[in-house]
């Protein structure tokens, strides 16, 4: 059975375990999501379903999306994402998927956009040690040498340098589901996930851990 939903990071808190230990957890509002389209291998070359999440106003949509939602008779959705599936026949357009597809004690992968930190130097961005802080050193927070001399006369790709920090797609794998609240569509997940509160995340069944 496919296990994946579009959700929203609510925030972090902590709970107590059976032995009284403090467990840091993240609350994720997962779904409900509506199946908007089924993509088949005959037409698109692969099998997938398109899910929509969170109602929005029709005036904020493009003409193409307005026509799509009116055709399938589904309320306009703000966020649309695609998920690969192997059992396409189990889904129908208009079907609603909720948080009950996940079970307590199982593991998930959460993908989101990390917080943007703007332009940052190598010490903040990559954790460089930096030079002496004493007076007169003239080398405090600089990156240092970045390449060779005449040969190869260039800086190699991947060199850690100052630049835009954060605001990237990040996936945290194998997070344990501590608790589920089916009435409020909430997942209580052990640990932290990327992004700020109210940020959109993709929740899927863990690839490396069941």
N, C-alpha and C. Protein backbone atom coordinates (compact mmCIF):
# COMPACT_ATOMS: atom_id res chain seq x y z
N UNK A 1 0.84 -1.19 0.00
CA UNK A 1 0.00 0.00 0.00
C UNK A 1 0.88 1.24 0.00
N UNK A 2 0.55 2.19 -0.86
CA UNK A 2 1.27 3.46 -0.94
C UNK A 2 1.14 4.22 0.37
N UNK A 3 2.24 4.80 0.83
CA UNK A 3 2.22 5.58 2.07
C UNK A 3 2.94 6.89 1.85
N UNK A 4 2.20 7.93 1.53
CA UNK A 4 2.78 9.24 1.31
C UNK A 4 1.71 10.31 1.33
N UNK A 5 2.02 11.44 1.94
CA UNK A 5 1.07 12.54 2.03
C UNK A 5 1.80 13.87 1.97
N UNK A 6 1.06 14.91 1.57
CA UNK A 6 1.55 16.28 1.71
C UNK A 6 1.10 16.78 3.08
N UNK A 7 1.97 17.46 3.77
CA UNK A 7 1.63 17.93 5.11
C UNK A 7 2.24 19.28 5.42
N UNK A 8 2.11 19.66 6.67
CA UNK A 8 2.58 20.96 7.13
C UNK A 8 3.21 20.80 8.51
N UNK A 9 4.38 21.37 8.69
CA UNK A 9 5.03 21.33 9.99
C UNK A 9 4.31 22.28 10.95
N UNK A 10 3.80 21.73 12.05
CA UNK A 10 3.08 22.53 13.04
C UNK A 10 4.05 23.17 14.02
N UNK A 11 5.03 22.40 14.47
CA UNK A 11 6.01 22.90 15.43
C UNK A 11 6.60 21.76 16.24
N UNK A 12 7.45 22.12 17.21
CA UNK A 12 8.10 21.11 18.05
C UNK A 12 7.65 21.23 19.49
N UNK A 13 7.71 20.10 20.19
CA UNK A 13 7.41 20.06 21.61
C UNK A 13 8.15 18.86 22.19
N UNK A 14 7.78 18.43 23.38
CA UNK A 14 8.40 17.26 23.97
C UNK A 14 7.36 16.46 24.75
N UNK A 15 7.57 15.14 24.78
CA UNK A 15 6.70 14.26 25.52
C UNK A 15 7.56 13.36 26.41
N UNK A 16 6.91 12.63 27.29
CA UNK A 16 7.62 11.73 28.20
C UNK A 16 7.39 10.28 27.77
N UNK A 17 8.47 9.51 27.74
CA UNK A 17 8.39 8.11 27.38
C UNK A 17 7.93 7.25 28.54
N UNK A 18 7.89 5.95 28.33
CA UNK A 18 7.41 5.01 29.34
C UNK A 18 8.31 5.00 30.58
N UNK A 19 9.59 5.26 30.40
CA UNK A 19 10.55 5.25 31.52
C UNK A 19 10.78 6.65 32.09
N UNK A 20 9.98 7.62 31.63
CA UNK A 20 10.11 8.97 32.14
C UNK A 20 11.10 9.83 31.39
N UNK A 21 11.69 9.30 30.32
CA UNK A 21 12.66 10.08 29.56
C UNK A 21 11.96 11.12 28.69
N UNK A 22 12.62 12.24 28.46
CA UNK A 22 12.07 13.31 27.63
C UNK A 22 12.37 13.01 26.17
N UNK A 23 11.33 13.04 25.33
CA UNK A 23 11.48 12.76 23.91
C UNK A 23 11.12 14.01 23.11
N UNK A 24 12.07 14.60 22.38
CA UNK A 24 11.73 15.75 21.52
C UNK A 24 10.95 15.28 20.30
N UNK A 25 9.83 15.92 20.01
CA UNK A 25 8.99 15.48 18.90
C UNK A 25 8.57 16.68 18.04
N UNK A 26 8.23 16.37 16.80
CA UNK A 26 7.69 17.36 15.87
C UNK A 26 6.27 16.97 15.49
N UNK A 27 5.38 17.94 15.48
CA UNK A 27 3.99 17.71 15.07
C UNK A 27 3.84 18.04 13.59
N UNK A 28 3.29 17.09 12.84
CA UNK A 28 3.07 17.28 11.40
C UNK A 28 1.59 17.10 11.10
N UNK A 29 1.00 18.11 10.48
CA UNK A 29 -0.39 18.00 10.01
C UNK A 29 -0.34 17.35 8.63
N UNK A 30 -0.61 16.04 8.56
CA UNK A 30 -0.48 15.28 7.32
C UNK A 30 -1.85 15.04 6.70
N UNK A 31 -2.10 15.69 5.56
CA UNK A 31 -3.38 15.53 4.89
C UNK A 31 -4.50 16.30 5.57
N UNK A 32 -5.75 16.01 5.19
CA UNK A 32 -6.14 15.05 4.15
C UNK A 32 -5.79 15.53 2.75
N UNK A 33 -5.41 14.58 1.89
CA UNK A 33 -5.05 14.86 0.51
C UNK A 33 -6.03 14.19 -0.43
N UNK A 34 -6.27 14.84 -1.56
CA UNK A 34 -7.23 14.33 -2.54
C UNK A 34 -6.48 13.91 -3.80
N UNK A 35 -6.84 12.76 -4.35
CA UNK A 35 -6.24 12.30 -5.60
C UNK A 35 -6.81 13.13 -6.75
N UNK A 36 -5.95 13.87 -7.44
CA UNK A 36 -6.37 14.76 -8.52
C UNK A 36 -6.21 14.13 -9.90
N UNK A 37 -5.22 13.23 -10.04
CA UNK A 37 -4.94 12.65 -11.34
C UNK A 37 -4.20 11.34 -11.19
N UNK A 38 -4.46 10.42 -12.12
CA UNK A 38 -3.72 9.15 -12.19
C UNK A 38 -2.90 9.16 -13.47
N UNK A 39 -1.60 8.93 -13.33
CA UNK A 39 -0.70 8.91 -14.48
C UNK A 39 -0.33 7.45 -14.79
N UNK A 40 -0.54 7.04 -16.02
CA UNK A 40 -0.33 5.65 -16.40
C UNK A 40 0.92 5.50 -17.25
N UNK A 41 1.45 4.29 -17.28
CA UNK A 41 2.65 4.01 -18.07
C UNK A 41 2.36 4.10 -19.56
N UNK A 42 1.12 3.85 -19.97
CA UNK A 42 0.77 3.93 -21.40
C UNK A 42 0.79 5.36 -21.91
N UNK A 43 0.33 6.30 -21.08
CA UNK A 43 0.21 7.69 -21.53
C UNK A 43 1.42 8.53 -21.13
N UNK A 44 1.80 8.48 -19.85
CA UNK A 44 2.91 9.31 -19.37
C UNK A 44 4.25 8.59 -19.31
N UNK A 45 4.22 7.24 -19.40
CA UNK A 45 5.47 6.49 -19.35
C UNK A 45 5.84 6.00 -17.97
N UNK A 46 5.02 6.30 -16.97
CA UNK A 46 5.25 5.84 -15.60
C UNK A 46 3.93 5.90 -14.84
N UNK A 47 3.87 5.23 -13.70
CA UNK A 47 2.65 5.20 -12.90
C UNK A 47 2.81 6.07 -11.67
N UNK A 48 1.87 6.97 -11.47
CA UNK A 48 1.93 7.89 -10.33
C UNK A 48 0.54 8.47 -10.08
N UNK A 49 0.36 9.01 -8.90
CA UNK A 49 -0.86 9.74 -8.59
C UNK A 49 -0.49 11.16 -8.18
N UNK A 50 -1.37 12.07 -8.50
CA UNK A 50 -1.17 13.48 -8.16
C UNK A 50 -2.10 13.83 -7.01
N UNK A 51 -1.52 14.36 -5.92
CA UNK A 51 -2.31 14.69 -4.73
C UNK A 51 -2.40 16.20 -4.55
N UNK A 52 -3.53 16.64 -4.03
CA UNK A 52 -3.74 18.05 -3.71
C UNK A 52 -3.96 18.22 -2.22
N UNK A 53 -3.46 19.34 -1.69
CA UNK A 53 -3.55 19.57 -0.25
C UNK A 53 -3.88 21.03 0.03
N UNK A 54 -4.77 21.26 0.97
CA UNK A 54 -5.18 22.57 1.48
C UNK A 54 -5.99 23.37 0.46
N UNK A 55 -7.23 23.65 0.84
CA UNK A 55 -8.12 24.41 -0.03
C UNK A 55 -7.61 25.83 -0.25
N UNK A 56 -7.90 26.36 -1.43
CA UNK A 56 -7.52 27.73 -1.75
C UNK A 56 -8.63 28.37 -2.58
N UNK A 57 -8.52 29.68 -2.81
CA UNK A 57 -9.53 30.39 -3.59
C UNK A 57 -9.28 30.18 -5.08
N UNK A 58 -10.36 30.06 -5.82
CA UNK A 58 -10.26 29.77 -7.25
C UNK A 58 -9.58 30.92 -8.01
N UNK A 59 -9.73 32.15 -7.52
CA UNK A 59 -9.16 33.29 -8.24
C UNK A 59 -7.63 33.31 -8.21
N UNK A 60 -7.04 32.50 -7.33
CA UNK A 60 -5.58 32.44 -7.24
C UNK A 60 -4.97 31.41 -8.18
N UNK A 61 -5.82 30.70 -8.93
CA UNK A 61 -5.34 29.63 -9.80
C UNK A 61 -5.22 30.11 -11.24
N UNK A 62 -4.41 29.39 -12.02
CA UNK A 62 -4.33 29.64 -13.45
C UNK A 62 -5.56 29.05 -14.14
N UNK A 63 -5.77 29.42 -15.39
CA UNK A 63 -6.92 28.91 -16.13
C UNK A 63 -6.86 27.39 -16.27
N UNK A 64 -5.66 26.87 -16.48
CA UNK A 64 -5.50 25.43 -16.65
C UNK A 64 -5.89 24.67 -15.38
N UNK A 65 -5.46 25.19 -14.22
CA UNK A 65 -5.80 24.53 -12.96
C UNK A 65 -7.29 24.67 -12.64
N UNK A 66 -7.87 25.83 -12.97
CA UNK A 66 -9.31 26.01 -12.76
C UNK A 66 -10.10 24.97 -13.54
N UNK A 67 -9.70 24.77 -14.79
CA UNK A 67 -10.39 23.79 -15.63
C UNK A 67 -10.20 22.37 -15.08
N UNK A 68 -9.01 22.09 -14.58
CA UNK A 68 -8.73 20.75 -14.04
C UNK A 68 -9.60 20.44 -12.83
N UNK A 69 -9.67 21.39 -11.88
CA UNK A 69 -10.46 21.16 -10.67
C UNK A 69 -11.96 21.10 -10.96
N UNK A 70 -12.43 21.93 -11.88
CA UNK A 70 -13.86 21.90 -12.20
C UNK A 70 -14.24 20.61 -12.92
N UNK A 71 -13.31 20.05 -13.70
CA UNK A 71 -13.58 18.83 -14.44
C UNK A 71 -13.74 17.63 -13.50
N UNK A 72 -12.88 17.55 -12.49
CA UNK A 72 -12.93 16.41 -11.56
C UNK A 72 -13.83 16.70 -10.35
N UNK A 73 -14.42 17.92 -10.31
CA UNK A 73 -15.35 18.33 -9.26
C UNK A 73 -14.73 18.21 -7.86
N UNK A 74 -13.55 18.83 -7.72
CA UNK A 74 -12.83 18.86 -6.45
C UNK A 74 -12.53 20.32 -6.11
N UNK A 75 -12.62 20.68 -4.84
CA UNK A 75 -12.29 22.04 -4.44
C UNK A 75 -10.84 22.37 -4.81
N UNK A 76 -10.57 23.59 -5.26
CA UNK A 76 -9.21 23.97 -5.65
C UNK A 76 -8.23 23.78 -4.50
N UNK A 77 -7.05 23.24 -4.81
CA UNK A 77 -6.03 22.98 -3.80
C UNK A 77 -4.81 23.89 -4.01
N UNK A 78 -4.25 24.31 -2.88
CA UNK A 78 -3.10 25.21 -2.93
C UNK A 78 -1.82 24.48 -3.35
N UNK A 79 -1.64 23.27 -2.85
CA UNK A 79 -0.40 22.53 -3.10
C UNK A 79 -0.72 21.23 -3.85
N UNK A 80 0.05 20.98 -4.90
CA UNK A 80 -0.11 19.78 -5.72
C UNK A 80 1.25 19.09 -5.84
N UNK A 81 1.30 17.81 -5.50
CA UNK A 81 2.54 17.04 -5.60
C UNK A 81 2.24 15.67 -6.21
N UNK A 82 3.29 15.06 -6.73
CA UNK A 82 3.15 13.78 -7.42
C UNK A 82 3.89 12.68 -6.67
N UNK A 83 3.29 11.49 -6.61
CA UNK A 83 3.88 10.35 -5.92
C UNK A 83 3.86 9.14 -6.83
N UNK A 84 5.00 8.46 -6.97
CA UNK A 84 5.05 7.23 -7.76
C UNK A 84 4.36 6.11 -6.99
N UNK A 85 3.62 5.28 -7.71
CA UNK A 85 2.94 4.13 -7.09
C UNK A 85 3.10 2.92 -8.01
N UNK A 86 2.95 1.74 -7.41
CA UNK A 86 3.01 0.50 -8.18
C UNK A 86 1.63 -0.14 -8.33
N UNK A 87 0.70 0.28 -7.48
CA UNK A 87 -0.66 -0.29 -7.50
C UNK A 87 -1.67 0.79 -7.86
N UNK A 88 -1.59 1.25 -9.10
CA UNK A 88 -2.42 2.38 -9.54
C UNK A 88 -3.91 2.08 -9.47
N UNK A 89 -4.28 0.82 -9.62
CA UNK A 89 -5.70 0.46 -9.61
C UNK A 89 -6.38 0.64 -8.27
N UNK A 90 -5.60 0.82 -7.20
CA UNK A 90 -6.18 0.99 -5.87
C UNK A 90 -6.68 2.41 -5.61
N UNK A 91 -6.47 3.32 -6.57
CA UNK A 91 -6.81 4.72 -6.34
C UNK A 91 -7.78 5.21 -7.41
N UNK A 92 -8.63 6.15 -7.00
CA UNK A 92 -9.58 6.77 -7.90
C UNK A 92 -9.49 8.27 -7.75
N UNK A 93 -9.74 8.99 -8.83
CA UNK A 93 -9.73 10.45 -8.79
C UNK A 93 -10.83 10.94 -7.84
N UNK A 94 -10.48 11.83 -6.94
CA UNK A 94 -11.43 12.32 -5.94
C UNK A 94 -11.32 11.60 -4.61
N UNK A 95 -10.58 10.49 -4.57
CA UNK A 95 -10.39 9.74 -3.33
C UNK A 95 -9.58 10.56 -2.33
N UNK A 96 -9.97 10.48 -1.06
CA UNK A 96 -9.29 11.24 0.00
C UNK A 96 -8.37 10.31 0.80
N UNK A 97 -7.13 10.73 0.96
CA UNK A 97 -6.15 9.97 1.75
C UNK A 97 -5.87 10.73 3.03
N UNK A 98 -5.93 10.01 4.16
CA UNK A 98 -5.75 10.65 5.46
C UNK A 98 -4.58 10.06 6.21
N UNK A 99 -4.36 10.56 7.41
CA UNK A 99 -3.20 10.18 8.21
C UNK A 99 -3.27 8.73 8.67
N UNK A 100 -4.43 8.09 8.55
CA UNK A 100 -4.55 6.70 9.01
C UNK A 100 -3.78 5.70 8.15
N UNK A 101 -3.16 6.15 7.05
CA UNK A 101 -2.32 5.24 6.26
C UNK A 101 -1.00 4.97 6.97
N UNK A 102 -0.70 5.75 8.01
CA UNK A 102 0.51 5.53 8.81
C UNK A 102 0.15 4.90 10.15
N UNK A 103 1.06 4.09 10.69
CA UNK A 103 0.83 3.41 11.96
C UNK A 103 1.86 3.86 12.99
N UNK A 104 1.44 3.87 14.24
CA UNK A 104 2.37 4.20 15.33
C UNK A 104 3.49 3.16 15.40
N UNK A 105 4.70 3.64 15.59
CA UNK A 105 5.84 2.74 15.66
C UNK A 105 6.53 2.52 14.33
N UNK A 106 5.89 2.92 13.23
CA UNK A 106 6.53 2.78 11.92
C UNK A 106 7.47 3.97 11.66
N UNK A 107 8.19 3.90 10.55
CA UNK A 107 9.20 4.92 10.25
C UNK A 107 8.87 5.62 8.94
N UNK A 108 9.21 6.91 8.86
CA UNK A 108 8.91 7.71 7.68
C UNK A 108 10.12 8.54 7.28
N UNK A 109 10.12 8.98 6.02
CA UNK A 109 11.07 9.97 5.52
C UNK A 109 10.32 11.27 5.33
N UNK A 110 10.90 12.38 5.79
CA UNK A 110 10.24 13.68 5.68
C UNK A 110 11.12 14.61 4.85
N UNK A 111 10.54 15.18 3.81
CA UNK A 111 11.27 16.08 2.91
C UNK A 111 10.67 17.48 3.00
N UNK A 112 11.51 18.47 3.20
CA UNK A 112 11.05 19.85 3.29
C UNK A 112 12.13 20.81 2.83
N UNK A 113 11.85 22.10 2.92
CA UNK A 113 12.80 23.14 2.54
C UNK A 113 13.40 23.74 3.80
N UNK A 114 14.71 23.70 3.91
CA UNK A 114 15.38 24.20 5.11
C UNK A 114 15.25 25.72 5.22
N UNK A 115 15.43 26.24 6.42
CA UNK A 115 15.35 27.67 6.65
C UNK A 115 16.46 28.41 5.89
N UNK A 116 16.10 29.49 5.23
CA UNK A 116 17.09 30.29 4.52
C UNK A 116 17.84 31.20 5.49
N UNK A 117 19.16 31.19 5.42
CA UNK A 117 19.99 32.02 6.30
C UNK A 117 20.67 33.17 5.57
N UNK A 118 20.39 33.32 4.26
CA UNK A 118 21.03 34.38 3.49
C UNK A 118 22.48 34.08 3.18
N UNK A 119 23.24 35.12 2.88
CA UNK A 119 24.66 34.96 2.55
C UNK A 119 25.44 34.72 3.84
N UNK A 120 26.26 33.67 3.85
CA UNK A 120 27.02 33.33 5.05
C UNK A 120 28.46 32.99 4.67
N UNK A 121 29.37 33.25 5.60
CA UNK A 121 30.77 32.93 5.39
C UNK A 121 31.05 31.46 5.67
N UNK A 122 32.31 31.07 5.50
CA UNK A 122 32.66 29.65 5.62
C UNK A 122 32.57 29.15 7.07
N UNK A 123 32.75 30.02 8.04
CA UNK A 123 32.68 29.58 9.44
C UNK A 123 31.24 29.21 9.82
N UNK A 124 30.30 30.04 9.44
CA UNK A 124 28.90 29.76 9.75
C UNK A 124 28.33 28.69 8.80
N UNK A 125 28.70 28.77 7.54
CA UNK A 125 28.10 27.87 6.54
C UNK A 125 28.67 26.45 6.58
N UNK A 126 29.96 26.32 6.80
CA UNK A 126 30.61 25.02 6.73
C UNK A 126 31.31 24.60 8.02
N UNK A 127 31.35 25.50 9.01
CA UNK A 127 31.96 25.12 10.28
C UNK A 127 33.48 25.18 10.28
N UNK A 128 34.06 26.04 9.43
CA UNK A 128 35.51 26.21 9.43
C UNK A 128 35.99 26.72 10.79
N UNK A 129 37.21 26.36 11.15
CA UNK A 129 37.76 26.78 12.44
C UNK A 129 38.09 28.27 12.47
N UNK A 130 38.63 28.78 11.37
CA UNK A 130 39.05 30.17 11.33
C UNK A 130 40.49 30.34 11.78
N UNK A 131 41.03 31.53 11.60
CA UNK A 131 42.41 31.82 11.98
C UNK A 131 42.53 32.37 13.39
N UNK A 132 43.74 32.76 13.79
CA UNK A 132 43.95 33.34 15.12
C UNK A 132 43.12 34.60 15.33
N UNK A 133 42.58 34.76 16.51
CA UNK A 133 41.75 35.93 16.80
C UNK A 133 42.57 37.09 17.34
N UNK A 134 43.88 36.88 17.56
CA UNK A 134 44.72 37.91 18.16
C UNK A 134 44.96 39.07 17.22
N UNK A 135 45.36 40.19 17.79
CA UNK A 135 45.61 41.41 17.03
C UNK A 135 46.79 41.22 16.07
N UNK A 136 46.59 41.62 14.83
CA UNK A 136 47.67 41.57 13.87
C UNK A 136 47.74 40.31 13.04
N UNK A 137 46.86 39.34 13.25
CA UNK A 137 46.97 38.08 12.49
C UNK A 137 46.58 38.26 11.02
N UNK A 138 45.62 39.14 10.76
CA UNK A 138 45.13 39.43 9.41
C UNK A 138 44.48 38.20 8.76
N UNK A 139 44.14 37.21 9.57
CA UNK A 139 43.44 36.03 9.05
C UNK A 139 42.52 35.52 10.14
N UNK A 140 41.28 36.05 10.14
CA UNK A 140 40.34 35.70 11.20
C UNK A 140 39.25 34.74 10.72
N UNK A 141 38.46 35.16 9.72
CA UNK A 141 37.32 34.36 9.26
C UNK A 141 37.37 34.07 7.76
N UNK A 142 38.53 34.22 7.17
CA UNK A 142 38.69 34.00 5.73
C UNK A 142 38.71 32.50 5.41
N UNK A 143 38.37 32.11 4.17
CA UNK A 143 38.36 30.69 3.82
C UNK A 143 39.75 30.08 3.66
N UNK A 144 40.76 30.89 3.45
CA UNK A 144 42.11 30.35 3.26
C UNK A 144 42.35 29.99 1.80
N UNK A 145 43.35 29.15 1.53
CA UNK A 145 43.69 28.76 0.17
C UNK A 145 42.55 27.98 -0.47
N UNK A 146 42.24 28.28 -1.74
CA UNK A 146 41.12 27.62 -2.40
C UNK A 146 41.56 26.83 -3.63
N UNK A 147 42.86 26.76 -3.93
CA UNK A 147 43.26 25.99 -5.09
C UNK A 147 44.76 25.97 -5.28
N UNK A 148 45.19 25.36 -6.36
CA UNK A 148 46.60 25.26 -6.68
C UNK A 148 47.07 26.51 -7.43
N UNK A 149 48.32 26.49 -7.94
CA UNK A 149 48.86 27.66 -8.63
C UNK A 149 48.67 27.53 -10.14
N UNK A 150 49.77 27.47 -10.89
CA UNK A 150 49.66 27.47 -12.35
C UNK A 150 48.92 26.25 -12.89
N UNK A 151 49.05 25.14 -12.21
CA UNK A 151 48.36 23.93 -12.64
C UNK A 151 47.51 23.41 -11.48
N UNK A 152 46.19 23.26 -11.63
CA UNK A 152 45.42 23.32 -12.87
C UNK A 152 44.85 24.71 -13.19
N UNK A 153 45.25 25.73 -12.48
CA UNK A 153 44.84 27.12 -12.76
C UNK A 153 43.33 27.32 -12.65
N UNK A 154 42.73 26.61 -11.74
CA UNK A 154 41.28 26.79 -11.52
C UNK A 154 40.92 26.26 -10.14
N UNK A 155 39.73 26.60 -9.70
CA UNK A 155 39.21 26.11 -8.43
C UNK A 155 38.33 24.90 -8.72
N UNK A 156 38.57 23.80 -8.05
CA UNK A 156 37.80 22.58 -8.28
C UNK A 156 36.34 22.75 -7.84
N UNK A 157 35.46 22.06 -8.56
CA UNK A 157 34.04 22.07 -8.20
C UNK A 157 33.86 21.44 -6.81
N UNK A 158 32.89 22.00 -6.06
CA UNK A 158 32.61 21.46 -4.74
C UNK A 158 33.40 22.11 -3.62
N UNK A 159 34.29 23.04 -3.95
CA UNK A 159 35.07 23.73 -2.93
C UNK A 159 34.14 24.49 -1.99
N UNK A 160 34.34 24.34 -0.70
CA UNK A 160 33.48 25.00 0.28
C UNK A 160 33.87 26.47 0.40
N UNK A 161 32.94 27.34 0.02
CA UNK A 161 33.19 28.78 -0.02
C UNK A 161 31.98 29.53 0.56
N UNK A 162 32.11 30.84 0.81
CA UNK A 162 30.94 31.62 1.25
C UNK A 162 29.84 31.58 0.20
N UNK A 163 28.60 31.73 0.63
CA UNK A 163 27.49 31.74 -0.31
C UNK A 163 26.15 31.66 0.39
N UNK A 164 25.11 31.39 -0.41
CA UNK A 164 23.74 31.31 0.11
C UNK A 164 23.60 30.08 0.98
N UNK A 165 23.20 30.29 2.23
CA UNK A 165 23.07 29.19 3.18
C UNK A 165 21.60 28.85 3.41
N UNK A 166 21.29 27.57 3.37
CA UNK A 166 19.92 27.13 3.63
C UNK A 166 19.02 27.28 2.41
N UNK A 167 17.70 27.22 2.64
CA UNK A 167 16.68 27.33 1.58
C UNK A 167 16.88 26.26 0.52
N UNK A 168 17.16 25.03 0.96
CA UNK A 168 17.38 23.91 0.06
C UNK A 168 16.48 22.74 0.44
N UNK A 169 16.25 21.88 -0.52
CA UNK A 169 15.46 20.68 -0.29
C UNK A 169 16.26 19.70 0.58
N UNK A 170 15.70 19.33 1.73
CA UNK A 170 16.38 18.44 2.67
C UNK A 170 15.44 17.29 3.05
N UNK A 171 15.99 16.07 3.08
CA UNK A 171 15.21 14.90 3.48
C UNK A 171 15.83 14.28 4.72
N UNK A 172 15.02 14.10 5.76
CA UNK A 172 15.44 13.42 6.98
C UNK A 172 14.83 12.02 6.94
N UNK A 173 15.68 11.00 7.04
CA UNK A 173 15.23 9.64 6.86
C UNK A 173 15.00 8.91 8.20
N UNK A 174 14.13 7.93 8.13
CA UNK A 174 13.89 6.97 9.22
C UNK A 174 13.53 7.64 10.55
N UNK A 175 12.52 8.51 10.51
CA UNK A 175 11.99 9.12 11.73
C UNK A 175 10.84 8.27 12.26
N UNK A 176 10.84 8.01 13.53
CA UNK A 176 9.82 7.14 14.13
C UNK A 176 8.54 7.92 14.44
N UNK A 177 7.40 7.31 14.11
CA UNK A 177 6.10 7.89 14.47
C UNK A 177 5.76 7.46 15.89
N UNK A 178 5.74 8.41 16.79
CA UNK A 178 5.47 8.11 18.20
C UNK A 178 3.97 7.97 18.44
N UNK A 179 3.19 8.82 17.75
CA UNK A 179 1.75 8.83 18.00
C UNK A 179 1.03 9.41 16.78
N UNK A 180 -0.21 8.99 16.56
CA UNK A 180 -1.04 9.57 15.50
C UNK A 180 -2.37 10.04 16.08
N UNK A 181 -2.88 11.14 15.56
CA UNK A 181 -4.19 11.67 15.96
C UNK A 181 -5.04 11.75 14.69
N UNK A 182 -5.90 10.76 14.47
CA UNK A 182 -6.67 10.67 13.24
C UNK A 182 -7.72 11.78 13.14
N UNK A 183 -8.24 12.24 14.27
CA UNK A 183 -9.26 13.28 14.24
C UNK A 183 -8.68 14.61 13.79
N UNK A 184 -7.45 14.92 14.21
CA UNK A 184 -6.82 16.20 13.87
C UNK A 184 -5.80 16.06 12.74
N UNK A 185 -5.68 14.85 12.17
CA UNK A 185 -4.72 14.58 11.09
C UNK A 185 -3.29 14.94 11.49
N UNK A 186 -2.90 14.51 12.68
CA UNK A 186 -1.58 14.84 13.21
C UNK A 186 -0.69 13.61 13.32
N UNK A 187 0.58 13.79 12.97
CA UNK A 187 1.61 12.80 13.23
C UNK A 187 2.57 13.38 14.26
N UNK A 188 2.86 12.62 15.30
CA UNK A 188 3.86 13.02 16.29
C UNK A 188 5.12 12.22 15.99
N UNK A 189 6.15 12.91 15.51
CA UNK A 189 7.36 12.26 15.01
C UNK A 189 8.53 12.55 15.93
N UNK A 190 9.31 11.53 16.24
CA UNK A 190 10.48 11.69 17.10
C UNK A 190 11.59 12.41 16.35
N UNK A 191 12.07 13.52 16.94
CA UNK A 191 13.16 14.25 16.32
C UNK A 191 12.69 15.49 15.57
N UNK A 192 13.62 16.11 14.84
CA UNK A 192 13.34 17.35 14.12
C UNK A 192 13.22 17.10 12.63
N UNK A 193 12.51 17.99 11.94
CA UNK A 193 12.38 17.92 10.49
C UNK A 193 12.77 19.28 9.92
N UNK A 194 13.12 19.35 8.63
CA UNK A 194 13.58 20.62 8.05
C UNK A 194 12.48 21.65 7.91
N UNK A 195 12.89 22.93 7.91
CA UNK A 195 11.96 24.01 7.63
C UNK A 195 11.41 24.70 8.87
N UNK A 196 10.74 25.82 8.61
CA UNK A 196 10.11 26.60 9.67
C UNK A 196 8.71 26.07 9.95
N UNK A 197 8.13 26.51 11.04
CA UNK A 197 6.75 26.13 11.37
C UNK A 197 5.82 26.62 10.27
N UNK A 198 4.83 25.82 9.94
CA UNK A 198 3.85 26.02 8.88
C UNK A 198 4.43 25.79 7.49
N UNK A 199 5.65 25.27 7.43
CA UNK A 199 6.26 24.95 6.14
C UNK A 199 5.71 23.64 5.58
N UNK A 200 5.64 23.55 4.26
CA UNK A 200 5.11 22.36 3.60
C UNK A 200 6.17 21.26 3.57
N UNK A 201 5.75 20.03 3.87
CA UNK A 201 6.65 18.88 3.87
C UNK A 201 5.98 17.72 3.14
N UNK A 202 6.81 16.80 2.66
CA UNK A 202 6.33 15.57 2.04
C UNK A 202 6.67 14.42 2.97
N UNK A 203 5.66 13.66 3.36
CA UNK A 203 5.84 12.54 4.29
C UNK A 203 5.64 11.24 3.52
N UNK A 204 6.65 10.37 3.56
CA UNK A 204 6.57 9.10 2.85
C UNK A 204 7.08 7.96 3.73
N UNK A 205 6.68 6.75 3.42
CA UNK A 205 7.16 5.57 4.14
C UNK A 205 8.67 5.47 3.98
N UNK A 206 9.37 5.16 5.07
CA UNK A 206 10.83 5.12 5.05
C UNK A 206 11.35 4.07 4.07
N UNK A 207 12.36 4.45 3.29
CA UNK A 207 12.94 3.53 2.31
C UNK A 207 13.89 2.54 2.98
N UNK A 208 14.61 2.97 4.02
CA UNK A 208 15.65 2.14 4.61
C UNK A 208 15.20 1.41 5.86
N UNK A 209 14.03 1.76 6.39
CA UNK A 209 13.60 1.15 7.65
C UNK A 209 12.09 1.00 7.62
N UNK A 210 11.58 -0.14 8.09
CA UNK A 210 10.15 -0.37 8.06
C UNK A 210 9.55 -0.24 9.46
